[in-house]
């Protein structure tokens, strides 16, 4: 393969071009509950068989970047945080969404016990703030919810189970719109 083709192939794999700055590496805590199979954490955050939840506040460190992924260390184990559906967000901003400097578990401790329980179980309930929904469910994918000031955030429990979180004028959850089976898994009564 010719040298310029090797460079292009390497750039395609890493998501960078020669001379381009790679986003800064960040270290901190998970912003929110995220699901992993032990190797891959997707921004879709699907509830799938074999996945476990990494709770908000889990220490995490970015170690590098690849094509639409942030390479991370979680509990000393390498994983990848995949930008599967929010690709319009630059990788440095994507990393800073999920890896935050201050441990959100400290803020969680100050919430009402019922809200804490809902967040810990990755569920939402009426009256939650946008911040609390983010802690419980993570960010909605940007391709479905491009702005966090929207009144409706769209999520997916898995590929064929969409649900919507509706917010009132006060920025608090008014209701969840979905099918009855999905509602049982995402809404705390």
N, C-alpha and C. Protein backbone atom coordinates (compact mmCIF):
# COMPACT_ATOMS: atom_id res chain seq x y z
N UNK A 1 0.86 -1.17 0.00
CA UNK A 1 0.00 0.00 0.00
C UNK A 1 0.90 1.23 0.00
N UNK A 2 0.54 2.24 -0.76
CA UNK A 2 1.32 3.47 -0.83
C UNK A 2 1.25 4.22 0.50
N UNK A 3 2.33 4.99 0.83
CA UNK A 3 2.37 5.70 2.12
C UNK A 3 1.16 6.58 2.38
N UNK A 4 0.67 7.34 1.37
CA UNK A 4 -0.47 8.22 1.62
C UNK A 4 -1.74 7.42 1.88
N UNK A 5 -1.83 6.25 1.29
CA UNK A 5 -3.00 5.39 1.56
C UNK A 5 -2.92 4.80 2.96
N UNK A 6 -1.71 4.48 3.41
CA UNK A 6 -1.55 4.01 4.79
C UNK A 6 -1.98 5.09 5.77
N UNK A 7 -1.59 6.33 5.51
CA UNK A 7 -1.98 7.43 6.38
C UNK A 7 -3.50 7.58 6.42
N UNK A 8 -4.14 7.52 5.26
CA UNK A 8 -5.60 7.63 5.21
C UNK A 8 -6.27 6.46 5.92
N UNK A 9 -5.72 5.26 5.74
CA UNK A 9 -6.29 4.10 6.43
C UNK A 9 -6.15 4.24 7.94
N UNK A 10 -4.98 4.71 8.39
CA UNK A 10 -4.78 4.93 9.84
C UNK A 10 -5.72 6.00 10.34
N UNK A 11 -5.91 7.07 9.57
CA UNK A 11 -6.82 8.14 9.98
C UNK A 11 -8.24 7.63 10.08
N UNK A 12 -8.64 6.78 9.15
CA UNK A 12 -10.00 6.23 9.19
C UNK A 12 -10.21 5.40 10.44
N UNK A 13 -9.19 4.66 10.86
CA UNK A 13 -9.32 3.83 12.05
C UNK A 13 -9.33 4.66 13.32
N UNK A 14 -8.55 5.72 13.37
CA UNK A 14 -8.46 6.50 14.59
C UNK A 14 -9.39 7.69 14.63
N UNK A 15 -9.93 8.07 13.46
CA UNK A 15 -10.83 9.21 13.44
C UNK A 15 -10.09 10.53 13.41
N UNK A 16 -8.77 10.51 13.15
CA UNK A 16 -8.00 11.75 13.08
C UNK A 16 -7.21 11.77 11.79
N UNK A 17 -6.77 12.92 11.39
CA UNK A 17 -5.86 13.07 10.26
C UNK A 17 -4.52 13.55 10.78
N UNK A 18 -3.47 13.28 10.03
CA UNK A 18 -2.14 13.72 10.44
C UNK A 18 -2.15 15.21 10.72
N UNK A 19 -1.57 15.61 11.85
CA UNK A 19 -1.52 17.01 12.20
C UNK A 19 -2.74 17.49 12.96
N UNK A 20 -3.84 16.74 12.95
CA UNK A 20 -5.04 17.14 13.68
C UNK A 20 -4.83 16.85 15.16
N UNK A 21 -5.35 17.71 15.99
CA UNK A 21 -5.23 17.53 17.42
C UNK A 21 -6.23 16.48 17.91
N UNK A 22 -5.75 15.53 18.67
CA UNK A 22 -6.64 14.58 19.31
C UNK A 22 -7.23 15.27 20.53
N UNK A 23 -8.50 15.02 20.82
CA UNK A 23 -9.11 15.67 22.00
C UNK A 23 -8.32 15.34 23.27
N UNK A 24 -8.35 16.26 24.20
CA UNK A 24 -7.67 16.06 25.48
C UNK A 24 -8.26 14.87 26.23
N UNK A 25 -7.41 14.19 26.96
CA UNK A 25 -7.87 13.06 27.76
C UNK A 25 -8.45 13.60 29.05
N UNK A 26 -9.53 13.01 29.50
CA UNK A 26 -10.20 13.46 30.72
C UNK A 26 -10.28 12.31 31.70
N UNK A 27 -10.38 12.67 32.96
CA UNK A 27 -10.49 11.69 34.03
C UNK A 27 -11.49 12.21 35.04
N UNK A 28 -12.28 11.33 35.60
CA UNK A 28 -13.26 11.76 36.58
C UNK A 28 -14.22 10.64 36.93
N UNK A 29 -15.52 10.94 36.78
CA UNK A 29 -16.58 10.03 37.21
C UNK A 29 -17.65 9.94 36.13
N UNK A 30 -18.31 8.79 36.08
CA UNK A 30 -19.44 8.67 35.16
C UNK A 30 -20.55 9.63 35.60
N UNK A 31 -21.08 10.33 34.65
CA UNK A 31 -22.14 11.31 34.91
C UNK A 31 -23.45 10.65 35.32
N UNK A 32 -23.61 9.41 34.91
CA UNK A 32 -24.93 8.80 34.92
C UNK A 32 -24.79 7.28 34.84
N UNK A 33 -25.91 6.61 35.02
CA UNK A 33 -25.92 5.16 34.90
C UNK A 33 -25.74 4.77 33.44
N UNK A 34 -24.76 3.91 33.17
CA UNK A 34 -24.51 3.44 31.81
C UNK A 34 -24.39 1.93 31.81
N UNK A 35 -24.87 1.32 30.76
CA UNK A 35 -24.82 -0.14 30.64
C UNK A 35 -23.63 -0.57 29.80
N UNK A 36 -23.00 -1.67 30.20
CA UNK A 36 -21.83 -2.18 29.51
C UNK A 36 -21.91 -3.70 29.38
N UNK A 37 -21.26 -4.21 28.35
CA UNK A 37 -21.10 -5.66 28.24
C UNK A 37 -19.71 -6.07 28.73
N UNK A 38 -18.99 -5.12 29.32
CA UNK A 38 -17.64 -5.37 29.82
C UNK A 38 -16.57 -4.88 28.87
N UNK A 39 -16.97 -4.58 27.62
CA UNK A 39 -16.04 -4.06 26.63
C UNK A 39 -16.55 -2.78 25.98
N UNK A 40 -17.86 -2.65 25.83
CA UNK A 40 -18.46 -1.57 25.06
C UNK A 40 -19.57 -0.90 25.86
N UNK A 41 -19.52 0.41 25.93
CA UNK A 41 -20.56 1.23 26.55
C UNK A 41 -21.10 2.11 25.43
N UNK A 42 -22.34 1.93 25.04
CA UNK A 42 -22.90 2.69 23.92
C UNK A 42 -23.72 3.87 24.41
N UNK A 43 -23.73 4.94 23.61
CA UNK A 43 -24.57 6.09 23.96
C UNK A 43 -26.06 5.75 23.84
N UNK A 44 -26.41 4.63 23.21
CA UNK A 44 -27.81 4.21 23.16
C UNK A 44 -28.27 3.71 24.52
N UNK A 45 -27.34 3.18 25.32
CA UNK A 45 -27.61 2.70 26.68
C UNK A 45 -28.74 1.68 26.74
N UNK A 46 -28.81 0.81 25.73
CA UNK A 46 -29.86 -0.22 25.69
C UNK A 46 -29.77 -1.16 26.89
N UNK A 47 -30.93 -1.61 27.33
CA UNK A 47 -31.03 -2.66 28.35
C UNK A 47 -31.06 -3.98 27.59
N UNK A 48 -29.93 -4.66 27.52
CA UNK A 48 -29.83 -5.89 26.76
C UNK A 48 -29.30 -7.00 27.65
N UNK A 49 -29.59 -8.21 27.26
CA UNK A 49 -29.12 -9.38 27.98
C UNK A 49 -27.58 -9.36 28.05
N UNK A 50 -27.06 -9.68 29.20
CA UNK A 50 -25.61 -9.74 29.39
C UNK A 50 -24.98 -8.42 29.77
N UNK A 51 -25.75 -7.35 29.81
CA UNK A 51 -25.19 -6.06 30.18
C UNK A 51 -25.40 -5.80 31.66
N UNK A 52 -24.45 -5.10 32.23
CA UNK A 52 -24.57 -4.67 33.62
C UNK A 52 -24.55 -3.15 33.65
N UNK A 53 -25.01 -2.59 34.74
CA UNK A 53 -25.04 -1.14 34.87
C UNK A 53 -23.83 -0.65 35.65
N UNK A 54 -23.13 0.29 35.06
CA UNK A 54 -22.09 1.02 35.77
C UNK A 54 -22.79 2.21 36.41
N UNK A 55 -22.82 2.29 37.72
CA UNK A 55 -23.56 3.37 38.36
C UNK A 55 -22.87 4.73 38.22
N UNK A 56 -23.68 5.78 38.23
CA UNK A 56 -23.13 7.13 38.20
C UNK A 56 -22.12 7.26 39.34
N UNK A 57 -21.09 8.02 39.09
CA UNK A 57 -20.04 8.20 40.09
C UNK A 57 -18.91 7.19 39.99
N UNK A 58 -19.03 6.21 39.10
CA UNK A 58 -17.95 5.24 38.91
C UNK A 58 -16.72 5.98 38.38
N UNK A 59 -15.55 5.79 38.99
CA UNK A 59 -14.34 6.42 38.45
C UNK A 59 -14.05 5.91 37.03
N UNK A 60 -13.68 6.84 36.15
CA UNK A 60 -13.43 6.51 34.75
C UNK A 60 -12.36 7.44 34.21
N UNK A 61 -11.54 6.92 33.32
CA UNK A 61 -10.44 7.70 32.75
C UNK A 61 -10.37 7.44 31.26
N UNK A 62 -10.35 8.51 30.46
CA UNK A 62 -10.14 8.38 29.03
C UNK A 62 -8.65 8.14 28.79
N UNK A 63 -8.34 7.13 27.96
CA UNK A 63 -6.95 6.80 27.67
C UNK A 63 -6.60 7.05 26.21
N UNK A 64 -7.61 7.31 25.40
CA UNK A 64 -7.36 7.55 23.98
C UNK A 64 -8.67 7.67 23.22
N UNK A 65 -8.54 7.85 21.92
CA UNK A 65 -9.71 8.00 21.07
C UNK A 65 -9.56 7.12 19.84
N UNK A 66 -10.67 6.62 19.37
CA UNK A 66 -10.72 5.88 18.11
C UNK A 66 -11.85 6.46 17.29
N UNK A 67 -12.18 5.80 16.23
CA UNK A 67 -13.27 6.27 15.37
C UNK A 67 -14.58 6.14 16.12
N UNK A 68 -15.15 7.28 16.48
CA UNK A 68 -16.43 7.36 17.20
C UNK A 68 -16.41 6.58 18.51
N UNK A 69 -15.30 6.63 19.20
CA UNK A 69 -15.20 5.98 20.52
C UNK A 69 -14.17 6.66 21.38
N UNK A 70 -14.43 6.63 22.67
CA UNK A 70 -13.46 7.09 23.65
C UNK A 70 -12.96 5.83 24.35
N UNK A 71 -11.68 5.60 24.30
CA UNK A 71 -11.09 4.45 24.99
C UNK A 71 -10.97 4.84 26.46
N UNK A 72 -11.47 3.99 27.34
CA UNK A 72 -11.52 4.33 28.76
C UNK A 72 -11.02 3.18 29.62
N UNK A 73 -10.71 3.53 30.86
CA UNK A 73 -10.41 2.55 31.91
C UNK A 73 -11.51 2.69 32.95
N UNK A 74 -12.17 1.58 33.26
CA UNK A 74 -13.18 1.53 34.31
C UNK A 74 -12.77 0.43 35.27
N UNK A 75 -12.53 0.78 36.52
CA UNK A 75 -12.05 -0.19 37.50
C UNK A 75 -10.82 -0.94 36.99
N UNK A 76 -9.92 -0.21 36.31
CA UNK A 76 -8.69 -0.81 35.81
C UNK A 76 -8.85 -1.65 34.55
N UNK A 77 -10.07 -1.76 34.05
CA UNK A 77 -10.32 -2.57 32.86
C UNK A 77 -10.55 -1.68 31.65
N UNK A 78 -9.96 -2.04 30.50
CA UNK A 78 -10.19 -1.24 29.30
C UNK A 78 -11.58 -1.49 28.72
N UNK A 79 -12.22 -0.41 28.30
CA UNK A 79 -13.50 -0.49 27.62
C UNK A 79 -13.53 0.64 26.59
N UNK A 80 -14.58 0.66 25.80
CA UNK A 80 -14.76 1.75 24.84
C UNK A 80 -16.13 2.36 25.07
N UNK A 81 -16.17 3.68 25.09
CA UNK A 81 -17.41 4.44 25.20
C UNK A 81 -17.78 4.86 23.79
N UNK A 82 -18.81 4.20 23.23
CA UNK A 82 -19.12 4.38 21.82
C UNK A 82 -20.07 5.51 21.52
N UNK A 83 -19.67 6.34 20.59
CA UNK A 83 -20.52 7.41 20.08
C UNK A 83 -21.27 6.83 18.87
N UNK A 84 -22.26 6.00 19.15
CA UNK A 84 -22.99 5.29 18.10
C UNK A 84 -24.07 6.14 17.45
N UNK A 85 -24.71 7.02 18.22
CA UNK A 85 -25.87 7.76 17.69
C UNK A 85 -25.82 9.26 17.97
N UNK A 86 -24.71 9.76 18.44
CA UNK A 86 -24.58 11.18 18.74
C UNK A 86 -23.37 11.76 18.01
N UNK A 87 -23.18 11.33 16.79
CA UNK A 87 -21.96 11.65 16.05
C UNK A 87 -21.82 13.10 15.65
N UNK A 88 -22.88 13.89 15.79
CA UNK A 88 -22.74 15.31 15.49
C UNK A 88 -22.05 16.05 16.63
N UNK A 89 -21.82 15.36 17.73
CA UNK A 89 -21.11 15.95 18.88
C UNK A 89 -19.62 15.65 18.73
N UNK A 90 -18.77 16.68 18.74
CA UNK A 90 -17.32 16.43 18.66
C UNK A 90 -16.87 15.49 19.79
N UNK A 91 -15.88 14.67 19.51
CA UNK A 91 -15.46 13.64 20.45
C UNK A 91 -15.04 14.19 21.81
N UNK A 92 -14.37 15.33 21.85
CA UNK A 92 -13.97 15.91 23.14
C UNK A 92 -15.21 16.27 23.96
N UNK A 93 -16.21 16.84 23.33
CA UNK A 93 -17.46 17.19 24.01
C UNK A 93 -18.21 15.93 24.42
N UNK A 94 -18.19 14.93 23.55
CA UNK A 94 -18.83 13.64 23.87
C UNK A 94 -18.21 13.04 25.13
N UNK A 95 -16.88 13.05 25.19
CA UNK A 95 -16.19 12.49 26.36
C UNK A 95 -16.57 13.26 27.62
N UNK A 96 -16.60 14.60 27.52
CA UNK A 96 -16.92 15.42 28.70
C UNK A 96 -18.38 15.30 29.12
N UNK A 97 -19.25 14.85 28.25
CA UNK A 97 -20.65 14.59 28.64
C UNK A 97 -20.70 13.48 29.69
N UNK A 98 -19.95 12.44 29.44
CA UNK A 98 -20.04 11.23 30.25
C UNK A 98 -19.00 11.16 31.36
N UNK A 99 -17.87 11.82 31.19
CA UNK A 99 -16.82 11.82 32.20
C UNK A 99 -16.80 13.22 32.82
N UNK A 100 -17.25 13.30 34.05
CA UNK A 100 -17.37 14.61 34.71
C UNK A 100 -16.36 14.71 35.85
N UNK A 101 -15.97 15.95 36.16
CA UNK A 101 -14.93 16.19 37.17
C UNK A 101 -15.42 15.94 38.59
N UNK A 102 -16.66 16.33 38.87
CA UNK A 102 -17.20 16.16 40.22
C UNK A 102 -18.07 14.92 40.30
N UNK A 103 -17.90 14.18 41.36
CA UNK A 103 -18.64 12.94 41.54
C UNK A 103 -20.14 13.23 41.75
N UNK A 104 -21.00 12.82 40.81
CA UNK A 104 -22.44 13.09 40.96
C UNK A 104 -23.08 12.31 42.09
N UNK A 105 -22.39 11.31 42.62
CA UNK A 105 -22.94 10.56 43.76
C UNK A 105 -23.12 11.47 44.97
N UNK A 106 -22.29 12.51 45.08
CA UNK A 106 -22.43 13.46 46.19
C UNK A 106 -23.74 14.24 46.08
N UNK A 107 -24.08 14.66 44.87
CA UNK A 107 -25.33 15.37 44.66
C UNK A 107 -26.52 14.42 44.85
N UNK A 108 -26.37 13.19 44.35
CA UNK A 108 -27.42 12.18 44.49
C UNK A 108 -27.77 11.97 45.97
N UNK A 109 -26.78 11.97 46.83
CA UNK A 109 -27.01 11.74 48.26
C UNK A 109 -27.93 12.79 48.88
N UNK A 110 -28.03 13.97 48.28
CA UNK A 110 -28.87 15.02 48.81
C UNK A 110 -30.31 14.99 48.33
N UNK A 111 -30.63 14.08 47.41
CA UNK A 111 -32.00 13.99 46.89
C UNK A 111 -32.89 13.22 47.84
N UNK A 112 -34.19 13.41 47.69
CA UNK A 112 -35.19 12.65 48.42
C UNK A 112 -34.93 11.15 48.22
N UNK A 113 -35.13 10.32 49.27
CA UNK A 113 -34.85 8.88 49.15
C UNK A 113 -35.60 8.18 48.00
N UNK A 114 -36.81 8.60 47.70
CA UNK A 114 -37.57 7.98 46.61
C UNK A 114 -36.91 8.30 45.26
N UNK A 115 -36.44 9.52 45.11
CA UNK A 115 -35.74 9.92 43.87
C UNK A 115 -34.41 9.18 43.77
N UNK A 116 -33.69 9.08 44.88
CA UNK A 116 -32.42 8.33 44.88
C UNK A 116 -32.64 6.89 44.43
N UNK A 117 -33.68 6.27 44.96
CA UNK A 117 -33.99 4.88 44.60
C UNK A 117 -34.33 4.76 43.11
N UNK A 118 -35.11 5.69 42.59
CA UNK A 118 -35.46 5.68 41.17
C UNK A 118 -34.20 5.80 40.31
N UNK A 119 -33.33 6.75 40.64
CA UNK A 119 -32.11 6.94 39.87
C UNK A 119 -31.22 5.70 39.96
N UNK A 120 -31.06 5.15 41.14
CA UNK A 120 -30.22 3.96 41.31
C UNK A 120 -30.73 2.78 40.49
N UNK A 121 -32.03 2.71 40.25
CA UNK A 121 -32.60 1.61 39.47
C UNK A 121 -32.82 1.98 38.00
N UNK A 122 -32.23 3.10 37.57
CA UNK A 122 -32.33 3.56 36.18
C UNK A 122 -33.77 3.75 35.74
N UNK A 123 -34.55 4.38 36.61
CA UNK A 123 -35.95 4.66 36.30
C UNK A 123 -36.23 6.14 36.51
N UNK A 124 -37.32 6.59 35.91
CA UNK A 124 -37.74 7.97 36.08
C UNK A 124 -39.10 8.01 36.75
N UNK A 125 -39.43 9.17 37.27
CA UNK A 125 -40.73 9.35 37.89
C UNK A 125 -41.19 10.79 37.71
N UNK A 126 -42.47 10.99 37.81
CA UNK A 126 -43.02 12.34 37.70
C UNK A 126 -42.36 13.25 38.73
N UNK A 127 -42.08 14.49 38.30
CA UNK A 127 -41.49 15.46 39.19
C UNK A 127 -39.97 15.52 39.15
N UNK A 128 -39.32 14.55 38.52
CA UNK A 128 -37.86 14.58 38.42
C UNK A 128 -37.42 15.76 37.55
N UNK A 129 -36.25 16.29 37.87
CA UNK A 129 -35.65 17.35 37.06
C UNK A 129 -34.92 16.72 35.87
N UNK A 130 -34.55 17.55 34.93
CA UNK A 130 -33.76 17.07 33.78
C UNK A 130 -32.44 16.45 34.26
N UNK A 131 -31.80 17.08 35.23
CA UNK A 131 -30.55 16.55 35.76
C UNK A 131 -30.76 15.16 36.35
N UNK A 132 -31.85 14.96 37.07
CA UNK A 132 -32.12 13.65 37.67
C UNK A 132 -32.41 12.60 36.61
N UNK A 133 -33.10 12.99 35.54
CA UNK A 133 -33.35 12.06 34.43
C UNK A 133 -32.03 11.66 33.78
N UNK A 134 -31.14 12.64 33.57
CA UNK A 134 -29.82 12.33 33.01
C UNK A 134 -29.06 11.35 33.89
N UNK A 135 -29.11 11.56 35.20
CA UNK A 135 -28.42 10.66 36.11
C UNK A 135 -28.97 9.23 36.00
N UNK A 136 -30.28 9.12 35.89
CA UNK A 136 -30.94 7.80 35.85
C UNK A 136 -30.75 7.09 34.52
N UNK A 137 -30.95 7.82 33.42
CA UNK A 137 -31.02 7.19 32.10
C UNK A 137 -29.87 7.54 31.17
N UNK A 138 -29.03 8.48 31.54
CA UNK A 138 -27.97 9.01 30.71
C UNK A 138 -28.56 10.01 29.72
N UNK A 139 -27.72 10.48 28.82
CA UNK A 139 -28.16 11.45 27.82
C UNK A 139 -29.01 10.77 26.75
N UNK A 140 -30.05 11.44 26.30
CA UNK A 140 -30.74 10.90 25.12
C UNK A 140 -29.80 11.05 23.93
N UNK A 141 -29.89 10.12 22.98
CA UNK A 141 -28.98 10.21 21.84
C UNK A 141 -29.28 11.47 21.03
N UNK A 142 -28.23 12.13 20.61
CA UNK A 142 -28.37 13.44 19.96
C UNK A 142 -29.09 13.36 18.63
N UNK A 143 -29.05 12.21 17.95
CA UNK A 143 -29.76 12.10 16.68
C UNK A 143 -31.28 12.14 16.88
N UNK A 144 -31.76 11.80 18.07
CA UNK A 144 -33.19 11.81 18.39
C UNK A 144 -33.60 13.03 19.20
N UNK A 145 -32.69 13.50 20.04
CA UNK A 145 -32.94 14.66 20.90
C UNK A 145 -31.73 15.58 20.78
N UNK A 146 -31.73 16.45 19.76
CA UNK A 146 -30.54 17.25 19.50
C UNK A 146 -30.25 18.35 20.52
N UNK A 147 -31.28 18.76 21.29
CA UNK A 147 -31.09 19.83 22.27
C UNK A 147 -31.73 19.41 23.59
N UNK A 148 -31.03 19.63 24.68
CA UNK A 148 -31.53 19.22 25.99
C UNK A 148 -32.58 20.17 26.55
N UNK A 149 -32.84 21.28 25.88
CA UNK A 149 -33.90 22.18 26.33
C UNK A 149 -35.26 21.83 25.72
N UNK A 150 -35.32 20.77 24.92
CA UNK A 150 -36.60 20.33 24.34
C UNK A 150 -37.54 19.83 25.42
N UNK A 151 -38.83 19.92 25.16
CA UNK A 151 -39.84 19.46 26.13
C UNK A 151 -39.99 17.94 26.13
N UNK A 152 -39.53 17.28 25.07
CA UNK A 152 -39.63 15.82 24.97
C UNK A 152 -38.25 15.26 24.65
N UNK A 153 -37.81 14.31 25.46
CA UNK A 153 -36.58 13.59 25.21
C UNK A 153 -36.94 12.18 24.79
N UNK A 154 -36.35 11.70 23.70
CA UNK A 154 -36.64 10.36 23.20
C UNK A 154 -35.50 9.42 23.55
N UNK A 155 -35.87 8.29 24.11
CA UNK A 155 -34.93 7.23 24.48
C UNK A 155 -35.40 5.92 23.85
N UNK A 156 -34.54 4.92 23.97
CA UNK A 156 -34.85 3.55 23.52
C UNK A 156 -34.43 2.60 24.63
N UNK A 157 -35.35 1.73 25.06
CA UNK A 157 -34.99 0.71 26.04
C UNK A 157 -34.13 -0.35 25.36
N UNK A 158 -34.51 -0.71 24.15
CA UNK A 158 -33.72 -1.52 23.22
C UNK A 158 -34.23 -1.18 21.83
N UNK A 159 -33.74 -1.83 20.82
CA UNK A 159 -33.98 -1.42 19.43
C UNK A 159 -35.44 -1.13 19.07
N UNK A 160 -36.37 -1.87 19.64
CA UNK A 160 -37.77 -1.73 19.24
C UNK A 160 -38.67 -1.24 20.37
N UNK A 161 -38.09 -0.58 21.35
CA UNK A 161 -38.88 -0.08 22.49
C UNK A 161 -38.57 1.38 22.77
N UNK A 162 -39.10 2.28 21.92
CA UNK A 162 -38.87 3.69 22.18
C UNK A 162 -39.75 4.19 23.33
N UNK A 163 -39.27 5.22 24.00
CA UNK A 163 -40.11 5.90 24.98
C UNK A 163 -39.73 7.36 25.03
N UNK A 164 -40.66 8.18 25.48
CA UNK A 164 -40.44 9.62 25.54
C UNK A 164 -40.64 10.10 26.97
N UNK A 165 -39.74 10.98 27.40
CA UNK A 165 -39.87 11.65 28.68
C UNK A 165 -40.38 13.06 28.37
N UNK A 166 -41.52 13.43 28.94
CA UNK A 166 -42.12 14.75 28.71
C UNK A 166 -41.89 15.64 29.93
N UNK A 167 -41.47 16.87 29.66
CA UNK A 167 -41.19 17.85 30.72
C UNK A 167 -42.20 18.99 30.64
N UNK A 168 -42.58 19.49 31.80
CA UNK A 168 -43.47 20.64 31.88
C UNK A 168 -42.70 21.94 31.80
N UNK A 169 -43.41 23.04 31.93
CA UNK A 169 -42.79 24.37 31.89
C UNK A 169 -41.75 24.56 32.98
N UNK A 170 -41.90 23.84 34.07
CA UNK A 170 -40.96 23.95 35.19
C UNK A 170 -39.71 23.08 35.01
N UNK A 171 -39.63 22.35 33.88
CA UNK A 171 -38.47 21.50 33.63
C UNK A 171 -38.50 20.18 34.37
N UNK A 172 -39.67 19.80 34.86
CA UNK A 172 -39.81 18.53 35.58
C UNK A 172 -40.66 17.55 34.77
N UNK A 173 -40.41 16.27 34.99
CA UNK A 173 -41.13 15.22 34.25
C UNK A 173 -42.61 15.29 34.56
N UNK A 174 -43.42 15.33 33.49
CA UNK A 174 -44.87 15.29 33.64
C UNK A 174 -45.40 13.89 33.37
N UNK A 175 -44.80 13.19 32.39
CA UNK A 175 -45.22 11.83 32.11
C UNK A 175 -44.23 11.15 31.15
N UNK A 176 -44.38 9.82 31.07
CA UNK A 176 -43.60 9.00 30.16
C UNK A 176 -44.58 8.43 29.14
N UNK A 177 -44.25 8.56 27.88
CA UNK A 177 -45.12 8.03 26.82
C UNK A 177 -44.44 6.83 26.17
N UNK A 178 -45.08 5.68 26.27
CA UNK A 178 -44.54 4.44 25.71
C UNK A 178 -45.58 3.33 25.80
N UNK A 179 -45.21 2.13 25.42
CA UNK A 179 -46.10 0.98 25.56
C UNK A 179 -46.06 0.47 27.00
N UNK A 180 -47.07 -0.29 27.42
CA UNK A 180 -47.14 -0.74 28.83
C UNK A 180 -45.94 -1.55 29.31
N UNK A 181 -45.39 -2.41 28.46
CA UNK A 181 -44.24 -3.24 28.88
C UNK A 181 -42.99 -2.39 29.13
N UNK A 182 -42.74 -1.44 28.24
CA UNK A 182 -41.58 -0.57 28.42
C UNK A 182 -41.77 0.31 29.65
N UNK A 183 -42.98 0.81 29.85
CA UNK A 183 -43.27 1.65 31.01
C UNK A 183 -42.89 0.95 32.31
N UNK A 184 -43.17 -0.35 32.40
CA UNK A 184 -42.84 -1.10 33.62
C UNK A 184 -41.34 -1.09 33.91
N UNK A 185 -40.53 -0.98 32.88
CA UNK A 185 -39.08 -1.03 33.06
C UNK A 185 -38.43 0.33 33.24
N UNK A 186 -39.13 1.41 32.86
CA UNK A 186 -38.48 2.72 32.91
C UNK A 186 -39.13 3.71 33.89
N UNK A 187 -40.38 3.47 34.26
CA UNK A 187 -41.04 4.45 35.13
C UNK A 187 -41.26 3.87 36.50
N UNK A 188 -40.92 4.66 37.50
CA UNK A 188 -41.17 4.29 38.89
C UNK A 188 -42.42 5.02 39.32
N UNK A 189 -43.38 4.29 39.75
CA UNK A 189 -44.66 4.89 40.17
C UNK A 189 -44.54 5.52 41.54
